[in-house]
Protein backbone atom coordinates (compact mmCIF):
# COMPACT_ATOMS: atom_id res chain seq x y z
CA MET A 1 -25.67 46.56 -23.01
CA ASN A 2 -28.75 48.67 -22.20
CA ARG A 3 -28.82 50.14 -25.70
CA TYR A 4 -29.04 46.67 -27.27
CA LEU A 5 -31.75 45.65 -24.82
CA GLY A 6 -33.63 48.83 -25.67
CA ALA A 7 -33.30 48.14 -29.41
CA ALA A 8 -34.56 44.57 -28.87
CA ILE A 9 -37.57 45.85 -26.91
CA ILE A 10 -38.37 48.34 -29.68
CA LEU A 11 -38.13 45.57 -32.30
CA LEU A 12 -40.39 43.29 -30.27
CA VAL A 13 -43.02 45.95 -29.57
CA VAL A 14 -43.21 47.19 -33.18
CA GLY A 15 -43.04 43.67 -34.63
CA GLY A 16 -45.66 42.43 -32.19
CA GLY A 17 -47.96 45.36 -32.92
CA ILE A 18 -47.71 44.79 -36.65
CA THR A 19 -48.22 41.04 -36.30
CA LEU A 20 -51.24 41.39 -34.03
CA GLY A 21 -52.65 44.23 -36.11
CA GLY A 22 -53.05 42.29 -39.32
CA GLY A 23 -49.93 40.34 -40.11
CA LEU A 24 -46.38 41.05 -41.10
CA GLU A 25 -47.04 40.59 -44.84
CA ARG A 26 -49.32 43.64 -44.82
CA ALA A 27 -46.55 45.81 -43.43
CA LEU A 28 -43.77 44.79 -45.82
CA ASP A 29 -43.11 46.55 -49.10
CA LEU A 30 -39.71 45.97 -50.68
CA LEU A 31 -39.76 49.10 -52.86
CA SER A 32 -40.48 51.31 -49.84
CA ILE A 33 -37.69 49.67 -47.85
CA ILE A 34 -35.21 50.11 -50.70
CA PHE A 35 -36.28 53.73 -51.19
CA VAL A 36 -35.89 54.65 -47.50
CA ILE A 37 -32.57 52.83 -47.03
CA GLY A 38 -31.23 54.22 -50.32
CA VAL A 39 -31.97 57.81 -49.29
CA GLY A 40 -30.53 57.08 -45.84
CA LEU A 41 -27.30 55.72 -47.33
CA GLY A 42 -27.03 58.66 -49.71
CA HIS A 43 -27.55 61.04 -46.79
CA THR A 44 -24.84 59.21 -44.83
CA LEU A 45 -22.30 59.84 -47.58
CA GLY A 46 -22.68 63.57 -46.95
CA ALA A 47 -21.47 63.30 -43.34
CA LYS A 48 -18.85 65.83 -42.36
CA ASP A 49 -15.74 65.01 -40.32
CA GLY A 50 -16.67 64.29 -36.72
CA GLU A 51 -20.34 63.78 -37.52
CA SER A 52 -21.91 60.46 -36.56
CA LYS A 53 -22.68 58.38 -39.63
CA VAL A 54 -25.25 56.36 -37.68
CA THR A 55 -27.18 59.51 -36.73
CA ARG A 56 -26.83 60.82 -40.26
CA PHE A 57 -28.24 57.55 -41.63
CA GLY A 58 -31.23 57.71 -39.29
CA ASP A 59 -31.95 61.31 -40.27
CA GLY A 60 -31.72 60.37 -43.94
CA CYS A 61 -34.14 57.49 -43.43
CA VAL A 62 -36.75 59.84 -41.98
CA ARG A 63 -36.31 62.20 -44.92
CA GLY A 64 -36.45 59.22 -47.29
CA GLY A 65 -39.68 58.09 -45.67
CA TRP A 66 -41.34 61.44 -46.27
CA LEU A 67 -40.02 61.57 -49.83
CA GLY A 68 -41.36 58.06 -50.39
CA LEU A 69 -44.78 59.14 -49.14
CA ILE A 70 -44.81 62.13 -51.49
CA VAL A 71 -43.75 59.96 -54.43
CA GLY A 72 -46.42 57.39 -53.54
CA ILE A 73 -49.20 59.96 -53.27
CA THR A 74 -48.10 61.53 -56.54
CA LEU A 75 -48.24 58.15 -58.27
CA ILE A 76 -51.66 57.43 -56.74
CA ALA A 77 -53.01 60.82 -57.80
CA GLY A 78 -52.01 60.13 -61.40
CA THR A 79 -54.13 57.00 -61.73
CA ASP A 80 -57.60 56.58 -63.21
CA TYR A 81 -58.74 55.26 -59.82
CA ALA A 82 -58.03 58.62 -58.24
CA ALA A 83 -59.82 60.46 -61.02
CA GLN A 84 -62.88 58.25 -60.45
CA MET A 85 -62.51 58.48 -56.65
CA ASP A 86 -62.50 54.67 -56.39
CA PHE A 87 -61.56 54.30 -52.74
CA SER A 88 -61.48 50.51 -52.95
CA ALA A 89 -58.36 50.92 -55.13
CA ILE A 90 -56.97 54.11 -53.59
CA MET A 91 -56.88 53.01 -49.94
CA PRO A 92 -54.64 49.93 -50.37
CA ALA A 93 -52.23 52.04 -52.45
CA LEU A 94 -52.28 54.76 -49.78
CA ALA A 95 -51.56 52.15 -47.11
CA VAL A 96 -48.45 51.10 -49.03
CA ALA A 97 -47.39 54.75 -49.48
CA LEU A 98 -47.69 55.28 -45.72
CA LEU A 99 -45.22 52.47 -45.06
CA ALA A 100 -42.28 54.65 -46.17
CA PRO A 101 -42.51 57.13 -43.23
CA LEU A 102 -43.09 54.17 -40.90
CA TYR A 103 -39.86 52.56 -42.08
CA GLY A 104 -38.02 55.88 -41.89
CA TYR A 105 -39.03 56.60 -38.31
CA PHE A 106 -38.49 52.98 -37.30
CA LEU A 107 -34.91 53.05 -38.60
CA LYS A 108 -34.37 56.45 -36.96
CA ILE A 109 -35.42 55.19 -33.54
CA ILE A 110 -33.20 52.13 -33.90
CA THR A 111 -30.21 54.29 -34.96
CA MET A 112 -30.86 56.63 -32.02
CA GLN A 113 -30.73 53.61 -29.72
CA LEU A 114 -27.51 52.28 -31.22
CA ASP A 115 -25.61 55.57 -31.56
């Protein structure tokens, strides 16, 4: 029971922080979520016998988050905005790229609580 209470507290604190910090719509990016969960699921399929699939999923989500950040920065660096150093266009794109590690670590902490 305590693990579910802990997971609920984590959800409330993170959700509340995001909501009070600028709104939930600024912290949601479907492509980042799909990327992180996809890498996490792929990582889960490599679990060995006796290894926790929940833990493996959480570890994969963290790795997926970092991969998503690298992909995002690479895509940003290849734009004309980056070549011109137009920070008014670069910073929103960087904010979206930084969501992937956030999602990865968020899913990891939830899986740690539930495993």
